[in-house]
Structure formats: structure tokens, C-alpha cells
Protein backbone atom coordinates (compact mmCIF):
# COMPACT_ATOMS: atom_id res chain seq x y z
CA PRO A 1 22.38 -23.59 0.00
CA VAL A 2 22.87 -25.52 3.21
CA ILE A 3 24.27 -29.03 3.58
CA SER A 4 22.58 -31.35 6.05
CA THR A 5 24.26 -34.44 7.40
CA VAL A 6 23.37 -37.85 6.06
CA THR A 7 22.88 -40.89 8.27
CA GLU A 8 24.24 -44.32 7.40
CA GLU A 9 20.73 -45.33 6.34
CA GLY A 10 20.82 -42.57 3.72
CA GLY A 11 18.22 -40.26 5.25
CA SER A 12 18.97 -36.75 6.42
CA SER A 13 19.18 -36.02 10.13
CA LYS A 14 19.38 -32.97 12.31
CA SER A 15 22.92 -32.25 13.38
CA ASP A 16 24.73 -29.94 15.78
CA PHE A 17 26.01 -27.91 12.84
CA ILE A 18 25.18 -26.81 9.31
CA PHE A 19 27.33 -25.67 6.42
CA ILE A 20 26.49 -22.22 5.04
CA LYS A 21 27.60 -21.15 1.57
CA THR A 22 29.24 -17.75 1.67
CA GLU A 23 30.94 -16.02 -1.26
CA HIS A 24 33.58 -18.57 -2.21
CA LYS A 25 33.46 -21.16 0.54
CA TRP A 26 31.27 -23.30 2.76
CA GLN A 27 31.43 -22.31 6.43
CA LYS A 28 30.62 -24.73 9.24
CA VAL A 29 28.33 -23.14 11.83
CA SER A 30 27.32 -24.65 15.16
CA ILE A 31 23.54 -24.43 15.54
CA ARG A 32 23.96 -23.58 19.25
CA GLU A 33 26.02 -20.50 18.34
CA ILE A 34 23.38 -18.92 16.10
CA TRP A 35 21.86 -15.91 17.87
CA TYR A 36 19.46 -14.79 15.17
CA ILE A 37 19.03 -14.54 11.42
CA GLU A 38 18.11 -11.33 9.65
CA GLY A 39 16.65 -11.24 6.14
CA LEU A 40 18.06 -8.59 3.81
CA LYS A 41 16.23 -8.80 0.45
CA ASP A 42 17.84 -11.84 -1.23
CA TYR A 43 20.44 -12.40 1.49
CA LEU A 44 20.42 -13.66 5.06
CA SER A 45 22.74 -12.41 7.80
CA ILE A 46 23.39 -15.12 10.37
CA TYR A 47 24.62 -13.62 13.64
CA ILE A 48 26.99 -15.68 15.79
CA PRO A 49 29.37 -14.71 18.64
CA THR A 50 32.28 -14.07 16.25
CA GLY A 51 30.32 -11.80 13.88
CA ARG A 52 27.94 -12.38 11.02
CA ILE A 53 27.80 -14.63 8.00
CA LEU A 54 26.18 -13.37 4.82
CA THR A 55 24.57 -15.94 2.51
CA LEU A 56 22.42 -15.81 -0.60
CA GLN A 57 19.54 -17.97 0.57
CA SER A 58 15.87 -17.90 1.52
CA PHE A 59 14.46 -18.15 5.04
CA SER A 60 12.46 -21.25 4.12
CA GLY A 61 15.53 -23.11 2.85
CA LEU A 62 17.52 -22.37 5.98
CA LEU A 63 14.65 -23.04 8.39
CA GLU A 64 14.30 -26.56 6.98
CA LYS A 65 17.80 -27.29 8.30
CA LEU A 66 17.31 -25.81 11.77
CA PRO A 67 15.50 -27.52 14.66
CA GLY A 68 11.96 -26.10 14.69
CA ASP A 69 11.68 -26.22 18.47
CA GLU A 70 14.79 -24.03 18.90
CA PHE A 71 14.24 -21.34 16.24
CA ILE A 72 11.15 -19.24 15.65
CA ARG A 73 10.23 -16.52 13.21
CA ILE A 74 9.15 -13.39 15.08
CA HIS A 75 9.10 -10.92 12.17
CA LYS A 76 9.16 -11.14 8.38
CA SER A 77 12.85 -10.20 8.58
CA TYR A 78 13.94 -12.12 11.72
CA VAL A 79 14.26 -15.66 12.99
CA VAL A 80 15.66 -16.02 16.52
CA SER A 81 17.14 -18.79 18.61
CA VAL A 82 14.83 -19.16 21.61
CA SER A 83 17.75 -20.17 23.86
CA GLN A 84 19.64 -16.96 23.02
CA ILE A 85 16.86 -14.55 24.07
CA ASP A 86 17.93 -12.45 27.06
CA GLU A 87 14.77 -10.36 27.56
CA ILE A 88 11.26 -10.21 26.16
CA GLU A 89 9.05 -7.16 26.08
CA LYS A 90 5.61 -6.85 24.54
CA LYS A 91 6.81 -6.05 21.01
CA ARG A 92 10.50 -6.97 21.02
CA VAL A 93 13.16 -9.36 22.27
CA MET A 94 16.77 -8.71 23.23
CA ILE A 95 19.61 -10.94 22.04
CA SER A 96 23.17 -9.90 22.78
CA ASP A 97 22.35 -6.20 23.34
CA LYS A 98 20.24 -5.95 20.16
CA TRP A 99 16.51 -5.34 20.28
CA ILE A 100 14.61 -7.31 17.62
CA PRO A 101 10.97 -6.47 16.85
CA ILE A 102 8.13 -8.96 17.18
CA SER A 103 5.57 -8.27 14.46
CA ASP A 104 1.81 -8.64 14.94
CA THR A 105 1.80 -11.49 12.38
CA TYR A 106 4.08 -13.71 14.46
CA ARG A 107 3.29 -12.49 18.01
CA SER A 108 0.66 -15.05 19.01
CA ALA A 109 2.70 -18.03 17.74
CA PHE A 110 5.79 -16.73 19.57
CA PHE A 111 4.04 -16.25 22.92
CA SER A 112 2.26 -19.63 22.51
CA LEU A 113 5.64 -21.31 22.14
CA LEU A 114 6.88 -19.66 25.33
CA GLU A 115 3.88 -20.81 27.31
CA ALA A 116 4.07 -24.43 26.04
């Protein structure tokens, strides 16, 4: 579960942060700090500069809360922040010294986004 902010008009809006439910608390996470998200069966690991946050949530639920122009799915198990990518090779990207694979399924959409 992720909390989005609510505007005075009552509609939801994109914010600079989201709240992520971890074991027994809600943790505030700055969207700009998210490096990448890794899917692990029923859980997601959200990697940020201070470590990782583990949450019981689906990719689709979390992606609804993140700006679509800043995050892209590059593999069935990975969503990355485009602004955090350090290097791109044909089948992988590097974020903070970690190589993340780009699967065939998501490759064309990823490279189309880069060229836009």
C-alpha cells in the first residue's frame, strides 16, 4: 500500500514523495532518491541511497504512484529511475555500481523513451 497526497480539491496529485508500508510502519520516501525497484515474488525492494526498503506490494500498485515519465520497467523484475541510470549497454543498465538486465520484452519501449 502506498499513500498519495490529496489536493485541496480532493483529487490525488503527484508529489515529491510517497509513503511505503514496511513491516510495522509507513516510511516516507523521496521519489528523487529511488534508484530502482526489484520485484521478489510478492515483495518489492526499493533501493535508495541509504539502503533498501522491503514492502509487500505489487509493481502495478506502486507504479501508479510514481511519475510515468521518470520510471520505466526494463525487466519483469525491475523498474528503474531514468535519471539514476549511469550507463546503458545493449542488454543492461548500470545504477550505482549495479548492472540491471534489460529484457527483450521491454527493450524497444525503453530505447524509444531514450530517443524521445
